[in-house]
């Protein structure tokens, strides 16, 4: 096996001039074994370090360092997330499209599981027009405007809750506790949503962001 002590001992012995060592030289064997152990340790250290500095072969806390190096604190490891899942999220974020409407929609959908509502005031498909859909008589919609250059409106929806494991609700007969978002492993905060939107926006664009629980909450307002 490349990198183990016997391999290095064999390679060191093979380059020594013939006649230097007899068949039984304990002191020389110990010296060569010591050198082999040192070089084997160095070789394995270099190999493991090389692997840890590559995203797909990295693991443990090194993945957290890679994520922080590329994304700051905007892409932390989720509670209980294994290395393979974290690697997939890091790679997806590295190659994520940016600077377009589709990029924003994809980023928020990936984070929350719900597609956001995006309205560009200068886009007839969002604000309505002849044969263009959108707002119309007796139909709710958005007003168009050409005076809001590089600005648009976004309504992002929080993820649908899945509850807290092994905890029941009122009147269910199960155990009840006071819960909070910290107890939900897949919780996404409003700050996470804002950071996800900011990360894909062009530097000259302004997004007016509203966060709601569901589209029904918006329609009821």
N, C-alpha and C. Protein backbone atom coordinates (compact mmCIF):
# COMPACT_ATOMS: atom_id res chain seq x y z
N UNK A 1 0.85 -1.20 0.00
CA UNK A 1 0.00 0.00 0.00
C UNK A 1 0.88 1.24 0.00
N UNK A 2 0.63 2.13 -0.96
CA UNK A 2 1.41 3.35 -1.05
C UNK A 2 1.14 4.22 0.18
N UNK A 3 2.22 4.67 0.82
CA UNK A 3 2.06 5.55 1.96
C UNK A 3 2.19 4.87 3.29
N UNK A 4 2.21 3.51 3.33
CA UNK A 4 2.38 2.86 4.63
C UNK A 4 3.87 2.65 4.92
N UNK A 5 4.21 2.28 6.17
CA UNK A 5 5.61 2.19 6.60
C UNK A 5 6.38 1.11 5.84
N UNK A 6 5.85 -0.12 5.67
CA UNK A 6 6.60 -1.13 4.92
C UNK A 6 6.93 -0.68 3.50
N UNK A 7 6.05 0.04 2.87
CA UNK A 7 6.31 0.51 1.51
C UNK A 7 7.51 1.45 1.49
N UNK A 8 7.57 2.40 2.43
CA UNK A 8 8.69 3.33 2.47
C UNK A 8 10.00 2.63 2.85
N UNK A 9 9.92 1.64 3.74
CA UNK A 9 11.12 0.87 4.11
C UNK A 9 11.65 0.13 2.88
N UNK A 10 10.76 -0.49 2.13
CA UNK A 10 11.19 -1.22 0.94
C UNK A 10 11.83 -0.29 -0.08
N UNK A 11 11.25 0.90 -0.25
CA UNK A 11 11.78 1.83 -1.24
C UNK A 11 13.13 2.40 -0.80
N UNK A 12 13.28 2.68 0.52
CA UNK A 12 14.57 3.17 1.01
C UNK A 12 15.65 2.10 0.87
N UNK A 13 15.31 0.87 1.21
CA UNK A 13 16.28 -0.22 1.12
C UNK A 13 16.71 -0.47 -0.32
N UNK A 14 15.77 -0.29 -1.25
CA UNK A 14 16.07 -0.59 -2.65
C UNK A 14 17.09 0.36 -3.27
N UNK A 15 17.26 1.57 -2.69
CA UNK A 15 18.20 2.53 -3.27
C UNK A 15 19.56 2.54 -2.56
N UNK A 16 19.68 1.76 -1.50
CA UNK A 16 20.99 1.66 -0.83
C UNK A 16 21.95 0.82 -1.67
N UNK A 17 23.23 1.20 -1.72
CA UNK A 17 24.21 0.41 -2.50
C UNK A 17 24.28 -1.02 -1.97
N UNK A 18 24.43 -1.94 -2.88
CA UNK A 18 24.55 -3.35 -2.49
C UNK A 18 25.82 -3.57 -1.66
N UNK A 19 25.72 -4.41 -0.69
CA UNK A 19 26.87 -4.70 0.15
C UNK A 19 26.92 -3.86 1.41
N UNK A 20 26.08 -2.81 1.50
CA UNK A 20 26.09 -1.98 2.72
C UNK A 20 25.52 -2.74 3.91
N UNK A 21 24.49 -3.52 3.62
CA UNK A 21 23.80 -4.19 4.70
C UNK A 21 23.83 -5.69 4.47
N UNK A 22 24.01 -6.42 5.55
CA UNK A 22 23.92 -7.87 5.47
C UNK A 22 22.47 -8.27 5.69
N UNK A 23 22.24 -9.55 5.80
CA UNK A 23 20.87 -10.01 6.00
C UNK A 23 20.32 -9.69 7.39
N UNK A 24 21.19 -9.47 8.36
CA UNK A 24 20.73 -9.26 9.73
C UNK A 24 21.50 -8.09 10.36
N UNK A 25 20.92 -6.89 10.22
CA UNK A 25 21.53 -5.68 10.81
C UNK A 25 20.42 -4.96 11.57
N UNK A 26 20.19 -5.32 12.83
CA UNK A 26 19.05 -4.77 13.59
C UNK A 26 19.07 -3.25 13.70
N UNK A 27 20.28 -2.67 13.95
CA UNK A 27 20.34 -1.22 14.12
C UNK A 27 19.95 -0.51 12.82
N UNK A 28 20.50 -0.98 11.71
CA UNK A 28 20.16 -0.37 10.41
C UNK A 28 18.68 -0.53 10.11
N UNK A 29 18.13 -1.69 10.45
CA UNK A 29 16.69 -1.91 10.21
C UNK A 29 15.85 -0.92 11.01
N UNK A 30 16.26 -0.65 12.25
CA UNK A 30 15.52 0.31 13.07
C UNK A 30 15.61 1.72 12.51
N UNK A 31 16.82 2.09 12.06
CA UNK A 31 16.99 3.44 11.48
C UNK A 31 16.13 3.60 10.23
N UNK A 32 16.16 2.61 9.36
CA UNK A 32 15.37 2.68 8.12
C UNK A 32 13.88 2.68 8.44
N UNK A 33 13.47 1.87 9.42
CA UNK A 33 12.06 1.86 9.81
C UNK A 33 11.62 3.20 10.37
N UNK A 34 12.52 3.85 11.15
CA UNK A 34 12.19 5.18 11.68
C UNK A 34 12.02 6.20 10.58
N UNK A 35 12.93 6.16 9.58
CA UNK A 35 12.78 7.07 8.44
C UNK A 35 11.51 6.77 7.67
N UNK A 36 11.23 5.47 7.51
CA UNK A 36 10.00 5.10 6.80
C UNK A 36 8.76 5.58 7.51
N UNK A 37 8.75 5.49 8.84
CA UNK A 37 7.59 5.95 9.62
C UNK A 37 7.40 7.45 9.47
N UNK A 38 8.51 8.20 9.50
CA UNK A 38 8.40 9.67 9.37
C UNK A 38 7.87 10.06 8.00
N UNK A 39 8.43 9.45 6.95
CA UNK A 39 7.99 9.81 5.60
C UNK A 39 6.56 9.33 5.33
N UNK A 40 6.19 8.20 5.89
CA UNK A 40 4.81 7.72 5.74
C UNK A 40 3.84 8.69 6.38
N UNK A 41 4.20 9.20 7.57
CA UNK A 41 3.32 10.17 8.24
C UNK A 41 3.20 11.46 7.43
N UNK A 42 4.32 11.93 6.88
CA UNK A 42 4.28 13.15 6.06
C UNK A 42 3.45 12.94 4.81
N UNK A 43 3.65 11.79 4.17
CA UNK A 43 2.89 11.49 2.95
C UNK A 43 1.40 11.46 3.23
N UNK A 44 1.01 10.78 4.29
CA UNK A 44 -0.41 10.68 4.63
C UNK A 44 -0.99 12.04 5.02
N UNK A 45 -0.18 12.87 5.70
CA UNK A 45 -0.64 14.20 6.06
C UNK A 45 -0.89 15.05 4.82
N UNK A 46 0.04 15.01 3.88
CA UNK A 46 -0.13 15.77 2.63
C UNK A 46 -1.34 15.27 1.85
N UNK A 47 -1.51 13.96 1.79
CA UNK A 47 -2.63 13.38 1.05
C UNK A 47 -3.97 13.78 1.66
N UNK A 48 -4.05 13.67 2.99
CA UNK A 48 -5.31 14.02 3.66
C UNK A 48 -5.59 15.52 3.57
N UNK A 49 -4.54 16.33 3.65
CA UNK A 49 -4.73 17.78 3.54
C UNK A 49 -5.21 18.15 2.15
N UNK A 50 -4.64 17.52 1.13
CA UNK A 50 -5.08 17.77 -0.25
C UNK A 50 -6.56 17.42 -0.41
N UNK A 51 -6.95 16.28 0.16
CA UNK A 51 -8.35 15.87 0.06
C UNK A 51 -9.28 16.84 0.78
N UNK A 52 -8.85 17.35 1.92
CA UNK A 52 -9.71 18.24 2.71
C UNK A 52 -9.84 19.62 2.08
N UNK A 53 -8.92 20.00 1.20
CA UNK A 53 -9.02 21.31 0.55
C UNK A 53 -9.82 21.25 -0.74
N UNK A 54 -10.37 20.09 -1.11
CA UNK A 54 -11.24 19.94 -2.26
C UNK A 54 -12.65 19.69 -1.75
N UNK A 55 -13.60 20.39 -2.31
CA UNK A 55 -14.96 20.34 -1.76
C UNK A 55 -15.51 18.91 -1.75
N UNK A 56 -15.38 18.19 -2.84
CA UNK A 56 -16.02 16.88 -2.94
C UNK A 56 -15.36 15.82 -2.08
N UNK A 57 -14.11 16.01 -1.70
CA UNK A 57 -13.44 15.03 -0.85
C UNK A 57 -13.23 15.54 0.57
N UNK A 58 -13.72 16.72 0.88
CA UNK A 58 -13.57 17.27 2.21
C UNK A 58 -14.61 16.69 3.15
N UNK A 59 -14.45 16.96 4.43
CA UNK A 59 -15.38 16.41 5.41
C UNK A 59 -15.30 17.20 6.71
N UNK A 60 -16.27 16.98 7.57
CA UNK A 60 -16.26 17.54 8.91
C UNK A 60 -16.17 19.05 8.94
N UNK A 61 -15.40 19.54 9.89
CA UNK A 61 -15.29 20.98 10.10
C UNK A 61 -14.63 21.70 8.93
N UNK A 62 -13.87 20.96 8.10
CA UNK A 62 -13.25 21.60 6.94
C UNK A 62 -14.31 22.07 5.95
N UNK A 63 -15.41 21.34 5.86
CA UNK A 63 -16.51 21.77 4.99
C UNK A 63 -17.13 23.08 5.50
N UNK A 64 -17.23 23.20 6.81
CA UNK A 64 -17.75 24.44 7.38
C UNK A 64 -16.82 25.61 7.06
N UNK A 65 -15.51 25.36 7.10
CA UNK A 65 -14.54 26.40 6.76
C UNK A 65 -14.66 26.79 5.28
N UNK A 66 -14.84 25.80 4.42
CA UNK A 66 -15.00 26.08 2.99
C UNK A 66 -16.23 26.92 2.74
N UNK A 67 -17.34 26.55 3.39
CA UNK A 67 -18.58 27.30 3.22
C UNK A 67 -18.42 28.74 3.69
N UNK A 68 -17.77 28.93 4.83
CA UNK A 68 -17.59 30.28 5.36
C UNK A 68 -16.63 31.08 4.48
N UNK A 69 -15.64 30.40 3.90
CA UNK A 69 -14.68 31.08 3.03
C UNK A 69 -15.37 31.64 1.79
N UNK A 70 -16.29 30.88 1.22
CA UNK A 70 -16.97 31.31 0.00
C UNK A 70 -18.17 32.21 0.27
N UNK A 71 -18.94 31.89 1.32
CA UNK A 71 -20.24 32.54 1.49
C UNK A 71 -20.38 33.30 2.81
N UNK A 72 -19.31 33.41 3.59
CA UNK A 72 -19.45 34.06 4.88
C UNK A 72 -20.33 33.21 5.80
N UNK A 73 -21.27 33.85 6.46
CA UNK A 73 -22.17 33.14 7.37
C UNK A 73 -23.54 32.87 6.75
N UNK A 74 -23.65 33.06 5.43
CA UNK A 74 -24.96 32.93 4.78
C UNK A 74 -25.32 31.49 4.43
N UNK A 75 -24.37 30.55 4.52
CA UNK A 75 -24.67 29.16 4.19
C UNK A 75 -24.11 28.23 5.26
N UNK A 76 -24.67 28.26 6.47
CA UNK A 76 -24.16 27.38 7.53
C UNK A 76 -24.67 25.95 7.35
N UNK A 77 -24.01 25.02 8.00
CA UNK A 77 -24.48 23.63 7.99
C UNK A 77 -25.78 23.55 8.79
N UNK A 78 -26.77 22.86 8.27
CA UNK A 78 -28.03 22.72 8.97
C UNK A 78 -27.89 21.69 10.09
N UNK A 79 -28.79 21.77 11.05
CA UNK A 79 -28.75 20.85 12.19
C UNK A 79 -28.89 19.42 11.70
N UNK A 80 -27.93 18.58 12.05
CA UNK A 80 -27.98 17.18 11.67
C UNK A 80 -27.63 16.89 10.22
N UNK A 81 -27.15 17.88 9.48
CA UNK A 81 -26.85 17.69 8.06
C UNK A 81 -25.54 16.92 7.88
N UNK A 82 -25.59 15.86 7.08
CA UNK A 82 -24.40 15.05 6.84
C UNK A 82 -23.52 15.73 5.79
N UNK A 83 -22.27 15.27 5.69
CA UNK A 83 -21.30 15.91 4.79
C UNK A 83 -21.77 15.90 3.34
N UNK A 84 -22.30 14.76 2.87
CA UNK A 84 -22.69 14.65 1.47
C UNK A 84 -23.78 15.66 1.11
N UNK A 85 -24.74 15.87 2.00
CA UNK A 85 -25.81 16.83 1.74
C UNK A 85 -25.26 18.26 1.77
N UNK A 86 -24.33 18.53 2.70
CA UNK A 86 -23.74 19.86 2.79
C UNK A 86 -22.90 20.16 1.55
N UNK A 87 -22.17 19.16 1.05
CA UNK A 87 -21.39 19.34 -0.17
C UNK A 87 -22.30 19.69 -1.34
N UNK A 88 -23.42 19.01 -1.45
CA UNK A 88 -24.37 19.29 -2.54
C UNK A 88 -24.88 20.72 -2.47
N UNK A 89 -25.18 21.20 -1.26
CA UNK A 89 -25.67 22.58 -1.12
C UNK A 89 -24.58 23.60 -1.46
N UNK A 90 -23.34 23.31 -1.05
CA UNK A 90 -22.23 24.23 -1.34
C UNK A 90 -22.01 24.33 -2.85
N UNK A 91 -21.99 23.18 -3.54
CA UNK A 91 -21.77 23.19 -4.98
C UNK A 91 -22.92 23.87 -5.71
N UNK A 92 -24.13 23.62 -5.25
CA UNK A 92 -25.28 24.25 -5.89
C UNK A 92 -25.22 25.76 -5.74
N UNK A 93 -24.78 26.23 -4.57
CA UNK A 93 -24.70 27.68 -4.34
C UNK A 93 -23.56 28.29 -5.14
N UNK A 94 -22.46 27.57 -5.31
CA UNK A 94 -21.33 28.08 -6.08
C UNK A 94 -21.71 28.34 -7.54
N UNK A 95 -22.50 27.42 -8.10
CA UNK A 95 -22.84 27.52 -9.52
C UNK A 95 -24.26 28.05 -9.75
N UNK A 96 -24.82 28.66 -8.72
CA UNK A 96 -26.17 29.20 -8.85
C UNK A 96 -26.19 30.39 -9.81
N UNK A 97 -27.20 30.46 -10.70
CA UNK A 97 -27.34 31.64 -11.56
C UNK A 97 -27.57 32.89 -10.72
N UNK A 98 -27.10 34.02 -11.18
CA UNK A 98 -27.25 35.27 -10.44
C UNK A 98 -27.56 36.41 -11.41
N UNK A 99 -28.19 37.44 -10.86
CA UNK A 99 -28.40 38.66 -11.63
C UNK A 99 -29.61 38.67 -12.53
N UNK A 100 -30.47 37.65 -12.45
CA UNK A 100 -31.66 37.61 -13.29
C UNK A 100 -32.90 37.32 -12.46
N UNK A 101 -34.04 37.52 -13.06
CA UNK A 101 -35.32 37.22 -12.40
C UNK A 101 -35.41 35.72 -12.07
N UNK A 102 -35.03 34.89 -13.04
CA UNK A 102 -35.08 33.45 -12.81
C UNK A 102 -34.14 33.02 -11.69
N UNK A 103 -32.99 33.71 -11.58
CA UNK A 103 -32.05 33.38 -10.51
C UNK A 103 -32.65 33.66 -9.15
N UNK A 104 -33.34 34.78 -9.02
CA UNK A 104 -33.99 35.13 -7.76
C UNK A 104 -35.10 34.15 -7.43
N UNK A 105 -35.88 33.80 -8.42
CA UNK A 105 -36.98 32.86 -8.19
C UNK A 105 -36.45 31.49 -7.78
N UNK A 106 -35.40 31.04 -8.43
CA UNK A 106 -34.83 29.74 -8.10
C UNK A 106 -34.23 29.74 -6.70
N UNK A 107 -33.52 30.81 -6.33
CA UNK A 107 -32.88 30.87 -5.02
C UNK A 107 -33.91 30.81 -3.89
N UNK A 108 -34.99 31.58 -4.02
CA UNK A 108 -36.00 31.60 -2.97
C UNK A 108 -36.81 30.31 -2.95
N UNK A 109 -37.05 29.73 -4.11
CA UNK A 109 -37.77 28.46 -4.15
C UNK A 109 -36.96 27.34 -3.52
N UNK A 110 -35.65 27.32 -3.81
CA UNK A 110 -34.79 26.30 -3.20
C UNK A 110 -34.76 26.44 -1.68
N UNK A 111 -34.78 27.67 -1.19
CA UNK A 111 -34.67 27.89 0.25
C UNK A 111 -35.96 27.60 0.99
N UNK A 112 -37.08 28.05 0.44
CA UNK A 112 -38.34 27.98 1.16
C UNK A 112 -39.27 26.87 0.69
N UNK A 113 -39.03 26.34 -0.51
CA UNK A 113 -39.93 25.34 -1.04
C UNK A 113 -41.16 25.94 -1.70
N UNK A 114 -41.25 27.27 -1.73
CA UNK A 114 -42.39 27.95 -2.36
C UNK A 114 -41.88 29.03 -3.31
N UNK A 115 -42.44 29.07 -4.51
CA UNK A 115 -42.02 30.06 -5.49
C UNK A 115 -42.48 31.45 -5.05
N UNK A 116 -41.62 32.45 -5.13
CA UNK A 116 -42.01 33.81 -4.72
C UNK A 116 -42.86 34.48 -5.80
N UNK A 117 -43.51 35.55 -5.40
CA UNK A 117 -44.24 36.40 -6.34
C UNK A 117 -43.35 37.58 -6.68
N UNK A 118 -43.00 37.73 -7.95
CA UNK A 118 -42.10 38.80 -8.39
C UNK A 118 -42.86 39.71 -9.36
N UNK A 119 -42.83 40.99 -9.07
CA UNK A 119 -43.52 41.97 -9.92
C UNK A 119 -42.54 43.05 -10.35
N UNK A 120 -42.33 43.15 -11.64
CA UNK A 120 -41.52 44.23 -12.21
C UNK A 120 -42.49 45.27 -12.77
N UNK A 121 -42.47 46.48 -12.24
CA UNK A 121 -43.44 47.50 -12.68
C UNK A 121 -43.39 47.80 -14.18
N UNK A 122 -42.23 47.60 -14.80
CA UNK A 122 -42.12 47.91 -16.22
C UNK A 122 -42.36 46.69 -17.10
N UNK A 123 -42.81 45.60 -16.53
CA UNK A 123 -43.04 44.36 -17.29
C UNK A 123 -44.54 44.13 -17.45
N UNK A 124 -45.07 44.26 -18.66
CA UNK A 124 -46.52 44.12 -18.86
C UNK A 124 -47.07 42.78 -18.39
N UNK A 125 -46.28 41.72 -18.48
CA UNK A 125 -46.77 40.42 -18.06
C UNK A 125 -47.06 40.39 -16.56
N UNK A 126 -46.42 41.29 -15.79
CA UNK A 126 -46.66 41.36 -14.34
C UNK A 126 -47.76 42.35 -13.99
N UNK A 127 -47.88 43.41 -14.78
CA UNK A 127 -48.79 44.50 -14.41
C UNK A 127 -50.02 44.60 -15.29
N UNK A 128 -50.06 43.85 -16.35
CA UNK A 128 -51.25 43.85 -17.18
C UNK A 128 -51.11 44.74 -18.42
N UNK A 129 -51.92 44.49 -19.38
CA UNK A 129 -51.94 45.23 -20.63
C UNK A 129 -52.80 44.46 -21.61
N UNK A 130 -53.00 45.02 -22.77
CA UNK A 130 -53.83 44.35 -23.76
C UNK A 130 -53.22 43.00 -24.14
N UNK A 131 -53.98 41.94 -23.93
CA UNK A 131 -53.55 40.57 -24.25
C UNK A 131 -52.28 40.15 -23.51
N UNK A 132 -52.02 40.78 -22.38
CA UNK A 132 -50.80 40.48 -21.64
C UNK A 132 -51.06 39.90 -20.27
N UNK A 133 -52.31 39.77 -19.87
CA UNK A 133 -52.60 39.24 -18.54
C UNK A 133 -52.34 40.27 -17.47
N UNK A 134 -52.22 39.84 -16.22
CA UNK A 134 -51.96 40.76 -15.12
C UNK A 134 -53.23 41.46 -14.68
N UNK A 135 -53.12 42.74 -14.31
CA UNK A 135 -54.27 43.48 -13.80
C UNK A 135 -55.24 43.81 -14.94
N UNK A 136 -56.49 43.94 -14.56
CA UNK A 136 -57.53 44.30 -15.53
C UNK A 136 -58.75 44.75 -14.75
N UNK A 137 -59.78 45.18 -15.47
CA UNK A 137 -61.02 45.60 -14.79
C UNK A 137 -61.58 44.43 -14.01
N UNK A 138 -61.97 44.71 -12.77
CA UNK A 138 -62.55 43.72 -11.87
C UNK A 138 -61.60 42.56 -11.58
N UNK A 139 -60.34 42.82 -11.68
CA UNK A 139 -59.36 41.77 -11.44
C UNK A 139 -58.17 42.36 -10.68
N UNK A 140 -57.78 41.69 -9.59
CA UNK A 140 -56.69 42.21 -8.78
C UNK A 140 -55.37 42.08 -9.53
N UNK A 141 -54.47 43.00 -9.25
CA UNK A 141 -53.16 42.94 -9.90
C UNK A 141 -52.28 44.07 -9.42
N UNK A 142 -51.23 44.34 -10.16
CA UNK A 142 -50.27 45.36 -9.80
C UNK A 142 -50.26 46.48 -10.84
N UNK A 143 -49.98 47.70 -10.36
CA UNK A 143 -49.88 48.85 -11.26
C UNK A 143 -48.51 48.88 -11.92
N UNK A 144 -48.51 49.18 -13.20
CA UNK A 144 -47.26 49.31 -13.92
C UNK A 144 -46.71 50.73 -13.83
N UNK A 145 -45.42 50.87 -13.98
CA UNK A 145 -44.78 52.17 -13.95
C UNK A 145 -43.41 52.07 -14.62
N UNK A 146 -43.06 53.12 -15.36
CA UNK A 146 -41.74 53.20 -15.98
C UNK A 146 -40.79 54.08 -15.18
N UNK A 147 -41.25 54.58 -14.05
CA UNK A 147 -40.43 55.49 -13.25
C UNK A 147 -39.63 54.77 -12.16
N UNK A 148 -39.79 53.46 -12.06
CA UNK A 148 -39.07 52.70 -11.04
C UNK A 148 -37.99 51.83 -11.70
N UNK A 149 -37.05 52.50 -12.31
CA UNK A 149 -36.00 51.78 -13.02
C UNK A 149 -35.18 50.94 -12.06
N UNK A 150 -34.88 49.71 -12.47
CA UNK A 150 -34.06 48.77 -11.70
C UNK A 150 -34.67 48.40 -10.35
N UNK A 151 -35.98 48.61 -10.21
CA UNK A 151 -36.66 48.26 -8.97
C UNK A 151 -37.77 47.25 -9.26
N UNK A 152 -38.01 46.40 -8.30
CA UNK A 152 -39.11 45.44 -8.45
C UNK A 152 -39.56 45.00 -7.07
N UNK A 153 -40.69 44.33 -7.03
CA UNK A 153 -41.30 43.92 -5.76
C UNK A 153 -41.30 42.40 -5.66
N UNK A 154 -40.96 41.91 -4.49
CA UNK A 154 -40.87 40.47 -4.27
C UNK A 154 -41.67 40.11 -3.01
N UNK A 155 -42.51 39.11 -3.15
CA UNK A 155 -43.17 38.52 -1.98
C UNK A 155 -42.65 37.10 -1.83
N UNK A 156 -41.90 36.87 -0.76
CA UNK A 156 -41.36 35.55 -0.48
C UNK A 156 -42.21 34.89 0.60
N UNK A 157 -42.35 33.59 0.50
CA UNK A 157 -43.19 32.85 1.45
C UNK A 157 -42.33 31.95 2.33
N UNK A 158 -42.63 31.98 3.60
CA UNK A 158 -41.89 31.13 4.54
C UNK A 158 -42.17 29.66 4.24
N UNK A 159 -41.24 28.76 4.59
CA UNK A 159 -41.48 27.34 4.35
C UNK A 159 -42.70 26.84 5.12
N UNK A 160 -43.36 25.88 4.55
CA UNK A 160 -44.48 25.26 5.25
C UNK A 160 -43.94 24.46 6.42
N UNK A 161 -44.48 24.70 7.60
CA UNK A 161 -43.99 24.04 8.81
C UNK A 161 -44.30 22.56 8.82
N UNK A 162 -43.39 21.79 9.41
CA UNK A 162 -43.59 20.34 9.54
C UNK A 162 -43.75 19.92 10.99
N UNK A 163 -43.82 20.89 11.91
CA UNK A 163 -43.98 20.55 13.32
C UNK A 163 -42.67 20.19 13.98
N UNK A 164 -42.74 19.89 15.24
CA UNK A 164 -41.57 19.51 16.04
C UNK A 164 -41.71 18.04 16.41
N UNK A 165 -40.70 17.28 16.09
CA UNK A 165 -40.76 15.83 16.29
C UNK A 165 -41.10 15.47 17.73
N UNK A 166 -42.01 14.49 17.87
CA UNK A 166 -42.40 13.91 19.16
C UNK A 166 -43.12 14.89 20.07
N UNK A 167 -43.56 16.01 19.52
CA UNK A 167 -44.33 16.97 20.31
C UNK A 167 -45.70 17.14 19.66
N UNK A 168 -46.75 17.01 20.44
CA UNK A 168 -48.11 17.12 19.92
C UNK A 168 -48.65 18.52 20.15
N UNK A 169 -49.77 18.80 19.54
CA UNK A 169 -50.43 20.09 19.72
C UNK A 169 -51.50 20.04 20.79
N UNK A 170 -52.10 21.19 21.06
CA UNK A 170 -53.15 21.24 22.07
C UNK A 170 -54.33 20.37 21.66
N UNK A 171 -54.85 19.63 22.61
CA UNK A 171 -56.02 18.82 22.36
C UNK A 171 -55.77 17.52 21.63
N UNK A 172 -54.50 17.14 21.42
CA UNK A 172 -54.19 15.91 20.69
C UNK A 172 -53.93 14.73 21.62
N UNK A 173 -53.76 15.01 22.89
CA UNK A 173 -53.50 13.93 23.83
C UNK A 173 -52.04 13.59 23.99
N UNK A 174 -51.17 14.24 23.23
CA UNK A 174 -49.74 13.95 23.31
C UNK A 174 -49.03 14.94 24.20
N UNK A 175 -47.71 14.82 24.31
CA UNK A 175 -46.94 15.75 25.16
C UNK A 175 -46.93 17.15 24.58
N UNK A 176 -47.04 18.15 25.43
CA UNK A 176 -47.05 19.54 25.01
C UNK A 176 -45.88 20.28 25.64
N UNK A 177 -45.22 21.11 24.86
CA UNK A 177 -44.16 21.97 25.37
C UNK A 177 -44.27 23.30 24.66
N UNK A 178 -43.61 24.31 25.21
CA UNK A 178 -43.52 25.58 24.51
C UNK A 178 -42.44 25.46 23.44
N UNK A 179 -42.81 25.62 22.20
CA UNK A 179 -41.88 25.45 21.10
C UNK A 179 -41.37 26.78 20.56
N UNK A 180 -40.28 26.73 19.83
CA UNK A 180 -39.73 27.89 19.13
C UNK A 180 -38.99 27.40 17.89
N UNK A 181 -38.58 28.33 17.03
CA UNK A 181 -37.95 27.96 15.77
C UNK A 181 -36.64 27.20 15.97
N UNK A 182 -35.98 27.42 17.09
CA UNK A 182 -34.71 26.74 17.33
C UNK A 182 -34.89 25.23 17.46
N UNK A 183 -36.11 24.79 17.74
CA UNK A 183 -36.39 23.37 17.90
C UNK A 183 -36.70 22.69 16.57
N UNK A 184 -36.83 23.46 15.51
CA UNK A 184 -37.16 22.92 14.20
C UNK A 184 -35.88 22.86 13.38
N UNK A 185 -35.46 21.65 13.03
CA UNK A 185 -34.16 21.49 12.37
C UNK A 185 -34.10 22.18 11.03
N UNK A 186 -35.21 22.25 10.29
CA UNK A 186 -35.20 22.82 8.95
C UNK A 186 -35.75 24.25 8.93
N UNK A 187 -35.75 24.91 10.07
CA UNK A 187 -36.32 26.25 10.14
C UNK A 187 -35.52 27.22 9.27
N UNK A 188 -36.25 28.08 8.57
CA UNK A 188 -35.65 29.14 7.76
C UNK A 188 -36.14 30.47 8.31
N UNK A 189 -35.23 31.31 8.73
CA UNK A 189 -35.61 32.59 9.31
C UNK A 189 -35.85 33.62 8.21
N UNK A 190 -36.49 34.72 8.60
CA UNK A 190 -36.69 35.81 7.64
C UNK A 190 -35.36 36.39 7.18
N UNK A 191 -34.37 36.38 8.07
CA UNK A 191 -33.04 36.86 7.70
C UNK A 191 -32.42 35.97 6.62
N UNK A 192 -32.65 34.65 6.72
CA UNK A 192 -32.14 33.74 5.70
C UNK A 192 -32.76 34.07 4.34
N UNK A 193 -34.03 34.39 4.33
CA UNK A 193 -34.71 34.73 3.08
C UNK A 193 -34.14 36.01 2.49
N UNK A 194 -33.92 37.01 3.34
CA UNK A 194 -33.35 38.27 2.86
C UNK A 194 -31.94 38.06 2.31
N UNK A 195 -31.13 37.25 2.98
CA UNK A 195 -29.78 37.00 2.52
C UNK A 195 -29.77 36.25 1.20
N UNK A 196 -30.70 35.30 1.03
CA UNK A 196 -30.77 34.54 -0.21
C UNK A 196 -31.12 35.45 -1.38
N UNK A 197 -32.04 36.39 -1.15
CA UNK A 197 -32.42 37.33 -2.22
C UNK A 197 -31.27 38.28 -2.54
N UNK A 198 -30.63 38.79 -1.51
CA UNK A 198 -29.53 39.74 -1.71
C UNK A 198 -28.37 39.10 -2.46
N UNK A 199 -28.13 37.82 -2.21
CA UNK A 199 -26.96 37.14 -2.80
C UNK A 199 -27.05 37.01 -4.31
N UNK A 200 -28.25 37.06 -4.89
CA UNK A 200 -28.38 36.85 -6.34
C UNK A 200 -28.77 38.13 -7.08
N UNK A 201 -28.96 39.24 -6.36
CA UNK A 201 -29.39 40.47 -7.02
C UNK A 201 -28.21 41.18 -7.68
N UNK A 202 -28.45 41.85 -8.82
CA UNK A 202 -27.41 42.73 -9.37
C UNK A 202 -27.14 43.89 -8.41
N UNK A 203 -25.95 44.44 -8.46
CA UNK A 203 -25.58 45.48 -7.50
C UNK A 203 -26.40 46.75 -7.70
N UNK A 204 -26.94 46.98 -8.89
CA UNK A 204 -27.67 48.23 -9.13
C UNK A 204 -29.17 48.04 -9.01
N UNK A 205 -29.64 46.88 -8.58
CA UNK A 205 -31.07 46.63 -8.48
C UNK A 205 -31.57 46.86 -7.06
N UNK A 206 -32.85 47.23 -6.96
CA UNK A 206 -33.49 47.43 -5.66
C UNK A 206 -34.70 46.51 -5.60
N UNK A 207 -34.72 45.61 -4.63
CA UNK A 207 -35.84 44.71 -4.45
C UNK A 207 -36.60 45.09 -3.19
N UNK A 208 -37.87 45.38 -3.34
CA UNK A 208 -38.74 45.66 -2.20
C UNK A 208 -39.33 44.32 -1.77
N UNK A 209 -38.85 43.82 -0.64
CA UNK A 209 -39.15 42.44 -0.23
C UNK A 209 -40.20 42.41 0.87
N UNK A 210 -41.19 41.57 0.67
CA UNK A 210 -42.20 41.29 1.69
C UNK A 210 -42.20 39.79 1.95
N UNK A 211 -42.31 39.41 3.22
CA UNK A 211 -42.29 38.00 3.59
C UNK A 211 -43.62 37.63 4.23
N UNK A 212 -44.23 36.59 3.72
CA UNK A 212 -45.53 36.16 4.23
C UNK A 212 -45.51 34.65 4.47
N UNK A 213 -46.52 34.16 5.16
CA UNK A 213 -46.60 32.73 5.44
C UNK A 213 -47.08 31.93 4.23
N UNK A 214 -47.99 32.52 3.45
CA UNK A 214 -48.54 31.80 2.30
C UNK A 214 -49.21 32.80 1.37
N UNK A 215 -49.48 32.44 0.13
CA UNK A 215 -50.22 33.34 -0.77
C UNK A 215 -51.60 33.71 -0.24
N UNK A 216 -52.23 32.84 0.53
CA UNK A 216 -53.55 33.13 1.07
C UNK A 216 -53.50 34.29 2.06
N UNK A 217 -52.37 34.43 2.77
CA UNK A 217 -52.23 35.54 3.70
C UNK A 217 -52.22 36.86 2.94
N UNK A 218 -51.58 36.91 1.78
CA UNK A 218 -51.53 38.12 0.96
C UNK A 218 -52.90 38.45 0.41
N UNK A 219 -53.61 37.45 -0.10
CA UNK A 219 -54.92 37.71 -0.71
C UNK A 219 -55.94 38.18 0.32
N UNK A 220 -55.71 37.83 1.60
CA UNK A 220 -56.65 38.22 2.64
C UNK A 220 -56.43 39.64 3.12
N UNK A 221 -55.29 40.25 2.71
CA UNK A 221 -54.99 41.60 3.20
C UNK A 221 -55.65 42.64 2.29
